[in-house]
Amino acid sequence: MKIKVSQPRIIEVDVEFPIYRKHELEYSTFYTMTTLLSEGNFYALVLHKDESGWSVEERIYGSLDCRSGEDYVLGKGIYSCSALEFKRAWSDFQDFVAGITHKNSTELT
């Protein structure tokens, strides 16, 4: 009997950093910028926008895991995102935070 076995493999690809990625879901969108910290270590800044607003998360990786697919990890195909698009998302996030800060400061006075 033959069965199919999936096994992790290591591939080498040419990459220019930072890598920008946009992942659109039904009710939310994730914008990610991944940069190289040092040999084999990566930093990702993840912006998440949904119906309630924005959130941000920072991640550090020891490797780029392609189990989600090479296009996803490298920001290609349906996950492509330009530097300009990421910067706009970052600006929108900052505006969102500034609005909350302003609202909270006026409520205290």
Protein backbone atom coordinates (compact mmCIF):
# COMPACT_ATOMS: atom_id res chain seq x y z
CA MET A 1 0.00 0.00 0.00
CA LYS A 2 1.28 3.44 -0.88
CA ILE A 3 0.36 6.52 1.06
CA LYS A 4 1.25 10.15 0.55
CA VAL A 5 3.46 11.64 3.22
CA SER A 6 3.98 15.34 3.55
CA GLN A 7 7.37 16.33 4.84
CA PRO A 8 8.84 19.73 5.51
CA ARG A 9 11.45 20.85 3.06
CA ILE A 10 13.81 23.75 3.09
CA ILE A 11 13.86 25.96 0.03
CA GLU A 12 16.00 28.94 -0.79
CA VAL A 13 14.47 31.92 -2.51
CA ASP A 14 15.75 35.37 -3.33
CA VAL A 15 13.94 37.89 -1.17
CA GLU A 16 14.13 41.63 -0.87
CA PHE A 17 13.27 42.95 2.58
CA PRO A 18 11.00 44.20 3.86
CA ILE A 19 8.29 41.78 2.74
CA TYR A 20 4.79 43.30 2.69
CA ARG A 21 1.70 41.10 2.88
CA LYS A 22 -2.03 41.74 2.91
CA HIS A 23 -4.42 38.99 3.99
CA GLU A 24 -8.08 39.80 3.49
CA LEU A 25 -10.68 37.75 5.32
CA GLU A 26 -14.45 38.14 5.29
CA TYR A 27 -14.62 40.68 8.12
CA SER A 28 -11.02 41.74 8.67
CA THR A 29 -7.71 42.47 6.97
CA PHE A 30 -4.15 41.84 8.15
CA TYR A 31 -1.23 43.95 6.87
CA THR A 32 2.23 42.57 7.67
CA MET A 33 5.72 43.97 7.17
CA THR A 34 8.52 41.45 7.75
CA THR A 35 12.15 42.56 8.00
CA LEU A 36 15.43 40.75 8.58
CA LEU A 37 16.77 41.36 12.09
CA SER A 38 19.93 39.30 11.86
CA GLU A 39 21.00 36.13 10.10
CA GLY A 40 18.02 33.82 10.41
CA ASN A 41 15.87 36.08 12.61
CA PHE A 42 12.91 38.04 11.36
CA TYR A 43 10.73 40.81 12.78
CA ALA A 44 7.09 41.20 11.72
CA LEU A 45 4.83 44.15 12.39
CA VAL A 46 1.20 43.05 11.97
CA LEU A 47 -1.68 45.51 11.65
CA HIS A 48 -5.17 44.07 11.99
CA LYS A 49 -8.30 45.94 10.92
CA ASP A 50 -11.78 44.68 11.63
CA GLU A 51 -15.25 46.06 12.35
CA SER A 52 -14.24 47.29 15.81
CA GLY A 53 -11.10 49.15 14.69
CA TRP A 54 -7.38 48.42 14.57
CA SER A 55 -4.84 46.42 16.57
CA VAL A 56 -1.10 45.93 16.23
CA GLU A 57 1.20 43.04 17.07
CA GLU A 58 4.95 42.55 16.90
CA ARG A 59 6.43 39.12 16.25
CA ILE A 60 9.96 37.72 16.10
CA TYR A 61 10.63 34.54 14.13
CA GLY A 62 13.63 32.25 13.93
CA SER A 63 12.63 31.23 10.41
CA LEU A 64 9.99 31.89 7.82
CA ASP A 65 7.58 28.97 7.89
CA CYS A 66 5.99 28.28 4.51
CA ARG A 67 3.39 25.79 5.72
CA SER A 68 0.81 28.46 4.86
CA GLY A 69 2.26 28.61 1.36
CA GLU A 70 5.13 30.43 -0.21
CA ASP A 71 2.88 33.15 -1.67
CA TYR A 72 1.47 33.90 1.78
CA VAL A 73 4.86 34.14 3.49
CA LEU A 74 6.49 36.14 0.70
CA GLY A 75 3.53 38.45 0.06
CA LYS A 76 2.91 37.32 -3.51
CA GLY A 77 -0.20 36.60 -5.55
CA ILE A 78 -3.42 37.30 -3.69
CA TYR A 79 -1.34 38.31 -0.63
CA SER A 80 0.67 40.99 -2.40
CA CYS A 81 0.90 44.40 -0.76
CA SER A 82 3.02 47.37 -1.74
CA ALA A 83 5.09 49.46 0.64
CA LEU A 84 2.74 52.37 -0.07
CA GLU A 85 -0.35 50.30 0.81
CA PHE A 86 1.26 49.18 4.09
CA LYS A 87 2.23 52.79 4.91
CA ARG A 88 -1.39 53.88 4.31
CA ALA A 89 -2.60 51.14 6.67
CA TRP A 90 -0.02 52.28 9.25
CA SER A 91 -1.23 55.87 8.89
CA ASP A 92 -4.86 54.74 9.29
CA PHE A 93 -3.86 52.83 12.43
CA GLN A 94 -2.11 55.90 13.86
CA ASP A 95 -5.18 58.05 13.12
CA PHE A 96 -7.35 55.47 14.90
CA VAL A 97 -5.09 55.55 17.98
CA ALA A 98 -4.97 59.36 17.93
CA GLY A 99 -8.79 59.45 17.85
CA ILE A 100 -9.02 57.18 20.87
CA THR A 101 -6.38 59.20 22.72
CA HIS A 102 -8.17 62.47 21.94
CA LYS A 103 -11.55 61.04 22.99
CA ASN A 104 -10.13 59.74 26.28
CA SER A 105 -8.33 62.99 27.08
CA THR A 106 -11.47 65.10 26.53
CA GLU A 107 -13.51 62.73 28.71
CA LEU A 108 -11.07 63.31 31.58
CA THR A 109 -11.41 67.10 31.50
